[in-house]
Amino acid sequence: MMVKPTVSDLLKNVDNRFELVVATAKRARQLSKGDKALVDNEEASTVTLAADEIAAGKVMVAEENETLEENNQNVEE
């Protein structure tokens, strides 16, 4: 089974695997709480949607002093 996006694709937008896991988990939680998806994939799970958003560059990994939501607002502007 081939998983898309691949980890190598995701690591182009994130510095390391740890940040990738944390960012994906945070975004998946936001999606499960009702945040609007930034990519079109209605059949995907929240984790898959989060990974797709990171791969598409729609979600950026926040710095330590920023929250993921603040970072998303900057991308949408």
PDB file of N, CA and C in Angstrom:
ATOM      1  N   MET A   1       0.851  -1.186   0.000  1.00  0.00           N
ATOM      2  CA  MET A   1       0.000   0.000   0.000  1.00  0.00           C
ATOM      3  C   MET A   1       0.891   1.243   0.000  1.00  0.00           C
ATOM      4  N   MET A   2       0.597   2.161  -0.892  1.00  0.00           N
ATOM      5  CA  MET A   2       1.355   3.404  -0.995  1.00  0.00           C
ATOM      6  C   MET A   2       0.590   4.520  -0.292  1.00  0.00           C
ATOM      7  N   VAL A   3       1.252   5.185   0.610  1.00  0.00           N
ATOM      8  CA  VAL A   3       0.626   6.275   1.356  1.00  0.00           C
ATOM      9  C   VAL A   3       0.980   7.593   0.684  1.00  0.00           C
ATOM     10  N   LYS A   4      -0.015   8.427   0.462  1.00  0.00           N
ATOM     11  CA  LYS A   4       0.191   9.751  -0.128  1.00  0.00           C
ATOM     12  C   LYS A   4      -0.365  10.784   0.823  1.00  0.00           C
ATOM     13  N   PRO A   5       0.268  11.862   1.082  1.00  0.00           N
ATOM     14  CA  PRO A   5       1.628  12.190   0.663  1.00  0.00           C
ATOM     15  C   PRO A   5       2.640  11.364   1.448  1.00  0.00           C
ATOM     16  N   THR A   6       3.800  11.165   0.843  1.00  0.00           N
ATOM     17  CA  THR A   6       4.847  10.394   1.501  1.00  0.00           C
ATOM     18  C   THR A   6       5.523  11.242   2.572  1.00  0.00           C
ATOM     19  N   VAL A   7       6.196  10.588   3.478  1.00  0.00           N
ATOM     20  CA  VAL A   7       6.928  11.304   4.530  1.00  0.00           C
ATOM     21  C   VAL A   7       7.968  12.213   3.894  1.00  0.00           C
ATOM     22  N   SER A   8       8.636  11.736   2.833  1.00  0.00           N
ATOM     23  CA  SER A   8       9.638  12.598   2.175  1.00  0.00           C
ATOM     24  C   SER A   8       9.011  13.859   1.599  1.00  0.00           C
ATOM     25  N   ASP A   9       7.797  13.744   1.064  1.00  0.00           N
ATOM     26  CA  ASP A   9       7.097  14.930   0.559  1.00  0.00           C
ATOM     27  C   ASP A   9       6.786  15.891   1.698  1.00  0.00           C
ATOM     28  N   LEU A  10       6.334  15.355   2.812  1.00  0.00           N
ATOM     29  CA  LEU A  10       5.978  16.191   3.956  1.00  0.00           C
ATOM     30  C   LEU A  10       7.200  16.863   4.572  1.00  0.00           C
ATOM     31  N   LEU A  11       8.332  16.174   4.558  1.00  0.00           N
ATOM     32  CA  LEU A  11       9.546  16.739   5.161  1.00  0.00           C
ATOM     33  C   LEU A  11      10.118  17.909   4.349  1.00  0.00           C
ATOM     34  N   LYS A  12       9.599  18.128   3.157  1.00  0.00           N
ATOM     35  CA  LYS A  12       9.996  19.311   2.379  1.00  0.00           C
ATOM     36  C   LYS A  12       9.445  20.581   3.015  1.00  0.00           C
ATOM     37  N   ASN A  13       8.348  20.451   3.782  1.00  0.00           N
ATOM     38  CA  ASN A  13       7.705  21.599   4.407  1.00  0.00           C
ATOM     39  C   ASN A  13       7.919  21.667   5.918  1.00  0.00           C
ATOM     40  N   VAL A  14       8.604  20.668   6.471  1.00  0.00           N
ATOM     41  CA  VAL A  14       8.823  20.585   7.910  1.00  0.00           C
ATOM     42  C   VAL A  14      10.287  20.214   8.134  1.00  0.00           C
ATOM     43  N   ASP A  15      10.868  20.744   9.200  1.00  0.00           N
ATOM     44  CA  ASP A  15      12.293  20.521   9.447  1.00  0.00           C
ATOM     45  C   ASP A  15      12.655  19.089   9.831  1.00  0.00           C
ATOM     46  N   ASN A  16      11.815  18.423  10.607  1.00  0.00           N
ATOM     47  CA  ASN A  16      12.151  17.064  11.032  1.00  0.00           C
ATOM     48  C   ASN A  16      10.887  16.263  11.315  1.00  0.00           C
ATOM     49  N   ARG A  17      11.060  14.975  11.517  1.00  0.00           N
ATOM     50  CA  ARG A  17       9.920  14.070  11.720  1.00  0.00           C
ATOM     51  C   ARG A  17       9.140  14.396  12.989  1.00  0.00           C
ATOM     52  N   PHE A  18       9.839  14.803  14.034  1.00  0.00           N
ATOM     53  CA  PHE A  18       9.153  15.138  15.281  1.00  0.00           C
ATOM     54  C   PHE A  18       8.185  16.304  15.050  1.00  0.00           C
ATOM     55  N   GLU A  19       8.650  17.364  14.418  1.00  0.00           N
ATOM     56  CA  GLU A  19       7.782  18.508  14.119  1.00  0.00           C
ATOM     57  C   GLU A  19       6.616  18.085  13.232  1.00  0.00           C
ATOM     58  N   LEU A  20       6.885  17.189  12.303  1.00  0.00           N
ATOM     59  CA  LEU A  20       5.842  16.700  11.406  1.00  0.00           C
ATOM     60  C   LEU A  20       4.737  15.988  12.186  1.00  0.00           C
ATOM     61  N   VAL A  21       5.121  15.114  13.096  1.00  0.00           N
ATOM     62  CA  VAL A  21       4.140  14.375  13.891  1.00  0.00           C
ATOM     63  C   VAL A  21       3.326  15.329  14.764  1.00  0.00           C
ATOM     64  N   VAL A  22       4.007  16.266  15.423  1.00  0.00           N
ATOM     65  CA  VAL A  22       3.319  17.206  16.303  1.00  0.00           C
ATOM     66  C   VAL A  22       2.362  18.087  15.505  1.00  0.00           C
ATOM     67  N   ALA A  23       2.829  18.629  14.382  1.00  0.00           N
ATOM     68  CA  ALA A  23       1.987  19.506  13.561  1.00  0.00           C
ATOM     69  C   ALA A  23       0.787  18.761  13.000  1.00  0.00           C
ATOM     70  N   THR A  24       1.004  17.536  12.536  1.00  0.00           N
ATOM     71  CA  THR A  24      -0.092  16.740  11.990  1.00  0.00           C
ATOM     72  C   THR A  24      -1.129  16.434  13.068  1.00  0.00           C
ATOM     73  N   ALA A  25      -0.667  16.070  14.245  1.00  0.00           N
ATOM     74  CA  ALA A  25      -1.587  15.763  15.344  1.00  0.00           C
ATOM     75  C   ALA A  25      -2.382  16.996  15.766  1.00  0.00           C
ATOM     76  N   LYS A  26      -1.712  18.147  15.881  1.00  0.00           N
ATOM     77  CA  LYS A  26      -2.411  19.376  16.279  1.00  0.00           C
ATOM     78  C   LYS A  26      -3.462  19.765  15.244  1.00  0.00           C
ATOM     79  N   ARG A  27      -3.080  19.700  13.981  1.00  0.00           N
ATOM     80  CA  ARG A  27      -4.024  20.078  12.926  1.00  0.00           C
ATOM     81  C   ARG A  27      -5.182  19.088  12.854  1.00  0.00           C
ATOM     82  N   ALA A  28      -4.903  17.797  13.033  1.00  0.00           N
ATOM     83  CA  ALA A  28      -5.965  16.790  13.015  1.00  0.00           C
ATOM     84  C   ALA A  28      -6.957  17.047  14.152  1.00  0.00           C
ATOM     85  N   ARG A  29      -6.452  17.441  15.326  1.00  0.00           N
ATOM     86  CA  ARG A  29      -7.347  17.774  16.441  1.00  0.00           C
ATOM     87  C   ARG A  29      -8.213  18.974  16.095  1.00  0.00           C
ATOM     88  N   GLN A  30      -7.613  19.985  15.470  1.00  0.00           N
ATOM     89  CA  GLN A  30      -8.384  21.164  15.072  1.00  0.00           C
ATOM     90  C   GLN A  30      -9.494  20.771  14.099  1.00  0.00           C
ATOM     91  N   LEU A  31      -9.165  19.921  13.145  1.00  0.00           N
ATOM     92  CA  LEU A  31     -10.159  19.472  12.168  1.00  0.00           C
ATOM     93  C   LEU A  31     -11.266  18.672  12.836  1.00  0.00           C
ATOM     94  N   SER A  32     -10.911  17.825  13.788  1.00  0.00           N
ATOM     95  CA  SER A  32     -11.937  17.017  14.455  1.00  0.00           C
ATOM     96  C   SER A  32     -12.846  17.864  15.329  1.00  0.00           C
ATOM     97  N   LYS A  33     -12.364  19.037  15.741  1.00  0.00           N
ATOM     98  CA  LYS A  33     -13.189  19.954  16.536  1.00  0.00           C
ATOM     99  C   LYS A  33     -14.037  20.870  15.658  1.00  0.00           C
ATOM    100  N   GLY A  34     -13.900  20.739  14.338  1.00  0.00           N
ATOM    101  CA  GLY A  34     -14.783  21.482  13.456  1.00  0.00           C
ATOM    102  C   GLY A  34     -14.138  22.517  12.564  1.00  0.00           C
ATOM    103  N   ASP A  35     -12.815  22.682  12.627  1.00  0.00           N
ATOM    104  CA  ASP A  35     -12.163  23.624  11.717  1.00  0.00           C
ATOM    105  C   ASP A  35     -12.390  23.208  10.269  1.00  0.00           C
ATOM    106  N   LYS A  36     -12.481  24.187   9.407  1.00  0.00           N
ATOM    107  CA  LYS A  36     -12.696  23.933   7.984  1.00  0.00           C
ATOM    108  C   LYS A  36     -11.410  23.397   7.352  1.00  0.00           C
ATOM    109  N   ALA A  37     -11.541  22.349   6.555  1.00  0.00           N
ATOM    110  CA  ALA A  37     -10.391  21.777   5.851  1.00  0.00           C
ATOM    111  C   ALA A  37      -9.910  22.743   4.777  1.00  0.00           C
ATOM    112  N   LEU A  38      -8.597  22.825   4.612  1.00  0.00           N
ATOM    113  CA  LEU A  38      -8.001  23.733   3.643  1.00  0.00           C
ATOM    114  C   LEU A  38      -7.718  23.056   2.302  1.00  0.00           C
ATOM    115  N   VAL A  39      -7.973  21.757   2.226  1.00  0.00           N
ATOM    116  CA  VAL A  39      -7.844  21.004   0.973  1.00  0.00           C
ATOM    117  C   VAL A  39      -9.143  20.248   0.741  1.00  0.00           C
ATOM    118  N   ASP A  40      -9.384  19.849  -0.484  1.00  0.00           N
ATOM    119  CA  ASP A  40     -10.628  19.166  -0.832  1.00  0.00           C
ATOM    120  C   ASP A  40     -10.400  17.660  -0.871  1.00  0.00           C
ATOM    121  N   ASN A  41     -10.854  16.979   0.174  1.00  0.00           N
ATOM    122  CA  ASN A  41     -10.781  15.527   0.244  1.00  0.00           C
ATOM    123  C   ASN A  41     -11.777  15.077   1.303  1.00  0.00           C
ATOM    124  N   GLU A  42     -13.026  15.027   0.951  1.00  0.00           N
ATOM    125  CA  GLU A  42     -14.109  14.780   1.900  1.00  0.00           C
ATOM    126  C   GLU A  42     -14.088  13.377   2.499  1.00  0.00           C
ATOM    127  N   GLU A  43     -13.480  12.413   1.827  1.00  0.00           N
ATOM    128  CA  GLU A  43     -13.483  11.040   2.312  1.00  0.00           C
ATOM    129  C   GLU A  43     -12.331  10.745   3.265  1.00  0.00           C
ATOM    130  N   ALA A  44     -11.397  11.659   3.403  1.00  0.00           N
ATOM    131  CA  ALA A  44     -10.189  11.406   4.186  1.00  0.00           C
ATOM    132  C   ALA A  44     -10.436  11.568   5.677  1.00  0.00           C
ATOM    133  N   SER A  45      -9.620  10.866   6.461  1.00  0.00           N
ATOM    134  CA  SER A  45      -9.653  11.032   7.910  1.00  0.00           C
ATOM    135  C   SER A  45      -9.017  12.374   8.265  1.00  0.00           C
ATOM    136  N   THR A  46      -9.183  12.784   9.505  1.00  0.00           N
ATOM    137  CA  THR A  46      -8.607  14.072   9.923  1.00  0.00           C
ATOM    138  C   THR A  46      -7.091  14.050   9.835  1.00  0.00           C
ATOM    139  N   VAL A  47      -6.465  12.919  10.116  1.00  0.00           N
ATOM    140  CA  VAL A  47      -5.001  12.820  10.032  1.00  0.00           C
ATOM    141  C   VAL A  47      -4.555  12.946   8.578  1.00  0.00           C
ATOM    142  N   THR A  48      -5.261  12.295   7.679  1.00  0.00           N
ATOM    143  CA  THR A  48      -4.930  12.392   6.254  1.00  0.00           C
ATOM    144  C   THR A  48      -5.136  13.815   5.746  1.00  0.00           C
ATOM    145  N   LEU A  49      -6.223  14.445   6.157  1.00  0.00           N
ATOM    146  CA  LEU A  49      -6.459  15.841   5.767  1.00  0.00           C
ATOM    147  C   LEU A  49      -5.330  16.739   6.267  1.00  0.00           C
ATOM    148  N   ALA A  50      -4.920  16.542   7.514  1.00  0.00           N
ATOM    149  CA  ALA A  50      -3.840  17.344   8.081  1.00  0.00           C
ATOM    150  C   ALA A  50      -2.553  17.150   7.284  1.00  0.00           C
ATOM    151  N   ALA A  51      -2.229  15.913   6.950  1.00  0.00           N
ATOM    152  CA  ALA A  51      -1.024  15.637   6.151  1.00  0.00           C
ATOM    153  C   ALA A  51      -1.132  16.254   4.761  1.00  0.00           C
ATOM    154  N   ASP A  52      -2.303  16.156   4.150  1.00  0.00           N
ATOM    155  CA  ASP A  52      -2.509  16.763   2.832  1.00  0.00           C
ATOM    156  C   ASP A  52      -2.325  18.279   2.894  1.00  0.00           C
ATOM    157  N   GLU A  53      -2.828  18.902   3.952  1.00  0.00           N
ATOM    158  CA  GLU A  53      -2.685  20.354   4.114  1.00  0.00           C
ATOM    159  C   GLU A  53      -1.226  20.754   4.283  1.00  0.00           C
ATOM    160  N   ILE A  54      -0.479  19.979   5.047  1.00  0.00           N
ATOM    161  CA  ILE A  54       0.948  20.266   5.238  1.00  0.00           C
ATOM    162  C   ILE A  54       1.689  20.097   3.913  1.00  0.00           C
ATOM    163  N   ALA A  55       1.399  19.030   3.183  1.00  0.00           N
ATOM    164  CA  ALA A  55       2.052  18.773   1.896  1.00  0.00           C
ATOM    165  C   ALA A  55       1.746  19.875   0.890  1.00  0.00           C
ATOM    166  N   ALA A  56       0.525  20.411   0.949  1.00  0.00           N
ATOM    167  CA  ALA A  56       0.122  21.462   0.011  1.00  0.00           C
ATOM    168  C   ALA A  56       0.637  22.842   0.426  1.00  0.00           C
ATOM    169  N   GLY A  57       1.273  22.917   1.594  1.00  0.00           N
ATOM    170  CA  GLY A  57       1.781  24.199   2.058  1.00  0.00           C
ATOM    171  C   GLY A  57       0.695  25.101   2.632  1.00  0.00           C
ATOM    172  N   LYS A  58      -0.463  24.537   2.917  1.00  0.00           N
ATOM    173  CA  LYS A  58      -1.580  25.315   3.466  1.00  0.00           C
ATOM    174  C   LYS A  58      -1.439  25.517   4.972  1.00  0.00           C
ATOM    175  N   VAL A  59      -0.691  24.639   5.636  1.00  0.00           N
ATOM    176  CA  VAL A  59      -0.459  24.731   7.076  1.00  0.00           C
ATOM    177  C   VAL A  59       1.040  24.764   7.284  1.00  0.00           C
ATOM    178  N   MET A  60       1.481  25.747   8.010  1.00  0.00           N
ATOM    179  CA  MET A  60       2.895  25.855   8.323  1.00  0.00           C
ATOM    180  C   MET A  60       3.124  25.450   9.772  1.00  0.00           C
ATOM    181  N   VAL A  61       4.283  24.897  10.032  1.00  0.00           N
ATOM    182  CA  VAL A  61       4.624  24.518  11.398  1.00  0.00           C
ATOM    183  C   VAL A  61       4.973  25.780  12.167  1.00  0.00           C
ATOM    184  N   ALA A  62       4.330  25.944  13.320  1.00  0.00           N
ATOM    185  CA  ALA A  62       4.510  27.146  14.131  1.00  0.00           C
ATOM    186  C   ALA A  62       5.831  27.109  14.878  1.00  0.00           C
ATOM    187  N   GLU A  63       6.373  28.279  15.101  1.00  0.00           N
ATOM    188  CA  GLU A  63       7.553  28.403  15.951  1.00  0.00           C
ATOM    189  C   GLU A  63       7.140  28.107  17.381  1.00  0.00           C
ATOM    190  N   GLU A  64       8.093  27.922  18.256  1.00  0.00           N
ATOM    191  CA  GLU A  64       7.781  27.585  19.647  1.00  0.00           C
ATOM    192  C   GLU A  64       6.893  28.617  20.319  1.00  0.00           C
ATOM    193  N   ASN A  65       7.049  29.885  19.980  1.00  0.00           N
ATOM    194  CA  ASN A  65       6.284  30.942  20.641  1.00  0.00           C
ATOM    195  C   ASN A  65       4.988  31.280  19.908  1.00  0.00           C
ATOM    196  N   GLU A  66       4.670  30.563  18.853  1.00  0.00           N
ATOM    197  CA  GLU A  66       3.457  30.776  18.083  1.00  0.00           C
ATOM    198  C   GLU A  66       2.549  29.568  18.230  1.00  0.00           C
ATOM    199  N   THR A  67       1.269  29.778  18.082  1.00  0.00           N
ATOM    200  CA  THR A  67       0.361  28.638  18.034  1.00  0.00           C
ATOM    201  C   THR A  67       0.115  28.299  16.574  1.00  0.00           C
ATOM    202  N   LEU A  68      -0.326  27.107  16.314  1.00  0.00           N
ATOM    203  CA  LEU A  68      -0.605  26.679  14.949  1.00  0.00           C
ATOM    204  C   LEU A  68      -1.708  27.531  14.337  1.00  0.00           C
ATOM    205  N   GLU A  69      -2.697  27.927  15.141  1.00  0.00           N
ATOM    206  CA  GLU A  69      -3.789  28.741  14.631  1.00  0.00           C
ATOM    207  C   GLU A  69      -3.299  30.108  14.155  1.00  0.00           C
ATOM    208  N   GLU A  70      -2.388  30.729  14.914  1.00  0.00           N
ATOM    209  CA  GLU A  70      -1.842  32.026  14.503  1.00  0.00           C
ATOM    210  C   GLU A  70      -1.116  31.892  13.183  1.00  0.00           C
ATOM    211  N   ASN A  71      -0.376  30.800  13.039  1.00  0.00           N
ATOM    212  CA  ASN A  71       0.369  30.564  11.819  1.00  0.00           C
ATOM    213  C   ASN A  71      -0.573  30.361  10.651  1.00  0.00           C
ATOM    214  N   ASN A  72      -1.679  29.649  10.844  1.00  0.00           N
ATOM    215  CA  ASN A  72      -2.659  29.439   9.771  1.00  0.00           C
ATOM    216  C   ASN A  72      -3.275  30.750   9.340  1.00  0.00           C
ATOM    217  N   GLN A  73      -3.536  31.653  10.249  1.00  0.00           N
ATOM    218  CA  GLN A  73      -4.117  32.946   9.906  1.00  0.00           C
ATOM    219  C   GLN A  73      -3.169  33.700   8.981  1.00  0.00           C
ATOM    220  N   ASN A  74      -1.870  33.596   9.216  1.00  0.00           N
ATOM    221  CA  ASN A  74      -0.901  34.279   8.374  1.00  0.00           C
ATOM    222  C   ASN A  74      -0.907  33.710   6.956  1.00  0.00           C
ATOM    223  N   VAL A  75      -1.122  32.415   6.806  1.00  0.00           N
ATOM    224  CA  VAL A  75      -1.143  31.780   5.494  1.00  0.00           C
ATOM    225  C   VAL A  75      -2.372  32.217   4.703  1.00  0.00           C
ATOM    226  N   GLU A  76      -3.512  32.351   5.380  1.00  0.00           N
ATOM    227  CA  GLU A  76      -4.751  32.703   4.702  1.00  0.00           C
ATOM    228  C   GLU A  76      -4.796  34.155   4.258  1.00  0.00           C
ATOM    229  N   GLU A  77      -4.011  35.017   4.867  1.00  0.00           N
ATOM    230  CA  GLU A  77      -4.054  36.451   4.530  1.00  0.00           C
ATOM    231  C   GLU A  77      -3.371  36.771   3.249  1.00  0.00           C
TER     232      GLU A  77
END
